[in-house]
Amino acid sequence: MRILVVDDEESILIPLEFLLRRAGHEVDLARTGEEALAWLGEGTFDLVVLDLMLPGVDGFAVLQRIKGQSPSPKVLVLTARGREADRAKALALGAEAFMAKPFGTEALLAEIRRLLEEG
């Protein structure tokens, strides 16, 4: 499966890339909202792992654009913004899942498997 990971923190981005590649996924990385939108314009992804706090175009705007596509990839929001209002907004904009940082790698992999198995 092809996954786009969008996060501006190298300490999250690089380990996530390693973890997902080890799990057998094809992984592309974006460090800004603009980079994410460029990747999404170039190819098809099964899943986007999306941070909300990004430089430039924020994660909510990226999410809105993703869900405006047809077909749109599944979106797992992975963010330090764990407030209930942020979760509610992300889900209302179409995210299929929401996880707050810090996160456990096993829980993250389980959530990714669940999302990808839903088709």
Protein backbone atom coordinates (compact mmCIF):
# COMPACT_ATOMS: atom_id res chain seq x y z
CA MET A 1 0.00 0.00 0.00
CA ARG A 2 1.14 3.55 -0.70
CA ILE A 3 1.20 5.94 2.25
CA LEU A 4 1.97 9.67 2.39
CA VAL A 5 3.31 10.84 5.76
CA VAL A 6 2.94 14.58 6.34
CA ASP A 7 4.79 16.02 9.35
CA ASP A 8 7.30 18.83 9.83
CA GLU A 9 9.12 17.12 12.72
CA GLU A 10 12.05 15.00 11.55
CA SER A 11 11.93 13.13 14.88
CA ILE A 12 8.49 11.82 13.84
CA LEU A 13 8.86 11.68 10.07
CA ILE A 14 11.97 9.52 9.75
CA PRO A 15 11.02 6.84 12.33
CA LEU A 16 7.52 6.64 10.81
CA GLU A 17 9.02 6.14 7.37
CA PHE A 18 11.23 3.33 8.69
CA LEU A 19 8.36 1.69 10.60
CA LEU A 20 5.97 1.78 7.63
CA ARG A 21 8.57 0.56 5.12
CA ARG A 22 9.46 -2.31 7.47
CA ALA A 23 5.73 -3.17 7.52
CA GLY A 24 5.86 -3.47 3.72
CA HIS A 25 4.38 -0.15 2.62
CA GLU A 26 5.58 2.27 -0.03
CA VAL A 27 6.12 5.60 1.75
CA ASP A 28 6.44 9.18 0.55
CA LEU A 29 7.21 12.10 2.85
CA ALA A 30 6.03 15.71 2.99
CA ARG A 31 7.24 18.31 5.48
CA THR A 32 4.73 21.08 4.65
CA GLY A 33 1.13 21.34 3.58
CA GLU A 34 2.27 22.57 0.17
CA GLU A 35 4.49 19.50 -0.30
CA ALA A 36 1.60 17.25 0.69
CA LEU A 37 -0.70 18.84 -1.85
CA ALA A 38 1.97 18.51 -4.55
CA TRP A 39 2.40 14.78 -3.79
CA LEU A 40 -1.36 14.30 -3.82
CA GLY A 41 -1.55 16.00 -7.21
CA GLU A 42 1.09 13.65 -8.64
CA GLY A 43 -0.15 10.27 -7.51
CA THR A 44 -2.62 8.03 -5.78
CA PHE A 45 -2.29 7.12 -2.11
CA ASP A 46 -4.15 4.55 -0.05
CA LEU A 47 -3.57 6.45 3.19
CA VAL A 48 -2.34 9.84 4.35
CA VAL A 49 -0.90 10.15 7.87
CA LEU A 50 -1.39 13.87 8.52
CA ASP A 51 -0.15 16.25 11.19
CA LEU A 52 -2.33 19.30 11.79
CA MET A 53 0.37 21.79 12.77
CA LEU A 54 2.29 22.35 9.54
CA PRO A 55 4.14 25.38 8.21
CA GLY A 56 2.27 27.21 5.48
CA VAL A 57 -0.94 25.38 4.61
CA ASP A 58 -2.12 23.73 7.84
CA GLY A 59 -3.35 20.17 8.22
CA PHE A 60 -7.02 21.12 8.32
CA ALA A 61 -6.71 22.83 4.92
CA VAL A 62 -4.82 19.83 3.52
CA LEU A 63 -7.52 17.51 4.87
CA GLN A 64 -10.24 19.58 3.23
CA ARG A 65 -8.44 19.42 -0.12
CA ILE A 66 -7.84 15.67 0.20
CA LYS A 67 -11.48 14.97 0.89
CA GLY A 68 -12.47 17.17 -2.06
CA GLN A 69 -10.76 14.70 -4.40
CA SER A 70 -12.53 11.75 -5.90
CA PRO A 71 -11.58 9.16 -4.98
CA SER A 72 -9.86 10.36 -1.83
CA PRO A 73 -7.38 8.39 0.27
CA LYS A 74 -8.14 7.51 3.86
CA VAL A 75 -6.70 9.98 6.36
CA LEU A 76 -5.26 9.27 9.79
CA VAL A 77 -4.65 12.52 11.66
CA LEU A 78 -1.60 12.13 13.92
CA THR A 79 -1.08 15.30 15.92
CA ALA A 80 -0.05 16.90 19.20
CA ARG A 81 -3.32 18.83 19.04
CA GLY A 82 -5.33 16.34 21.03
CA ARG A 83 -8.14 18.61 22.14
CA GLU A 84 -11.68 17.36 21.62
CA ALA A 85 -12.46 20.31 19.35
CA ASP A 86 -9.55 19.42 17.06
CA ARG A 87 -10.64 15.78 16.93
CA ALA A 88 -14.23 16.76 16.16
CA LYS A 89 -13.16 19.17 13.40
CA ALA A 90 -10.83 16.62 11.78
CA LEU A 91 -13.52 13.94 11.80
CA ALA A 92 -16.13 16.38 10.48
CA LEU A 93 -13.79 17.24 7.60
CA GLY A 94 -13.62 13.56 6.70
CA ALA A 95 -10.65 12.03 8.53
CA GLU A 96 -11.25 8.34 9.16
CA ALA A 97 -9.10 8.24 12.31
CA PHE A 98 -7.43 10.55 14.83
CA MET A 99 -4.50 9.77 17.12
CA ALA A 100 -2.76 12.13 19.51
CA LYS A 101 1.01 12.38 19.96
CA PRO A 102 2.77 10.82 21.73
CA PHE A 103 1.58 7.49 20.34
CA GLY A 104 2.56 3.85 20.65
CA THR A 105 3.93 2.26 17.50
CA GLU A 106 1.87 -0.92 17.91
CA ALA A 107 -1.35 1.07 18.30
CA LEU A 108 -0.44 3.17 15.25
CA LEU A 109 0.30 0.11 13.12
CA ALA A 110 -2.94 -1.52 14.24
CA GLU A 111 -4.92 1.58 13.28
CA ILE A 112 -3.20 1.74 9.88
CA ARG A 113 -3.93 -1.94 9.25
CA ARG A 114 -7.59 -1.37 10.18
CA LEU A 115 -7.91 1.58 7.82
CA LEU A 116 -6.22 -0.18 4.92
CA GLU A 117 -8.28 -3.36 5.38
CA GLU A 118 -11.52 -1.35 5.20
CA GLY A 119 -10.68 -0.75 1.55
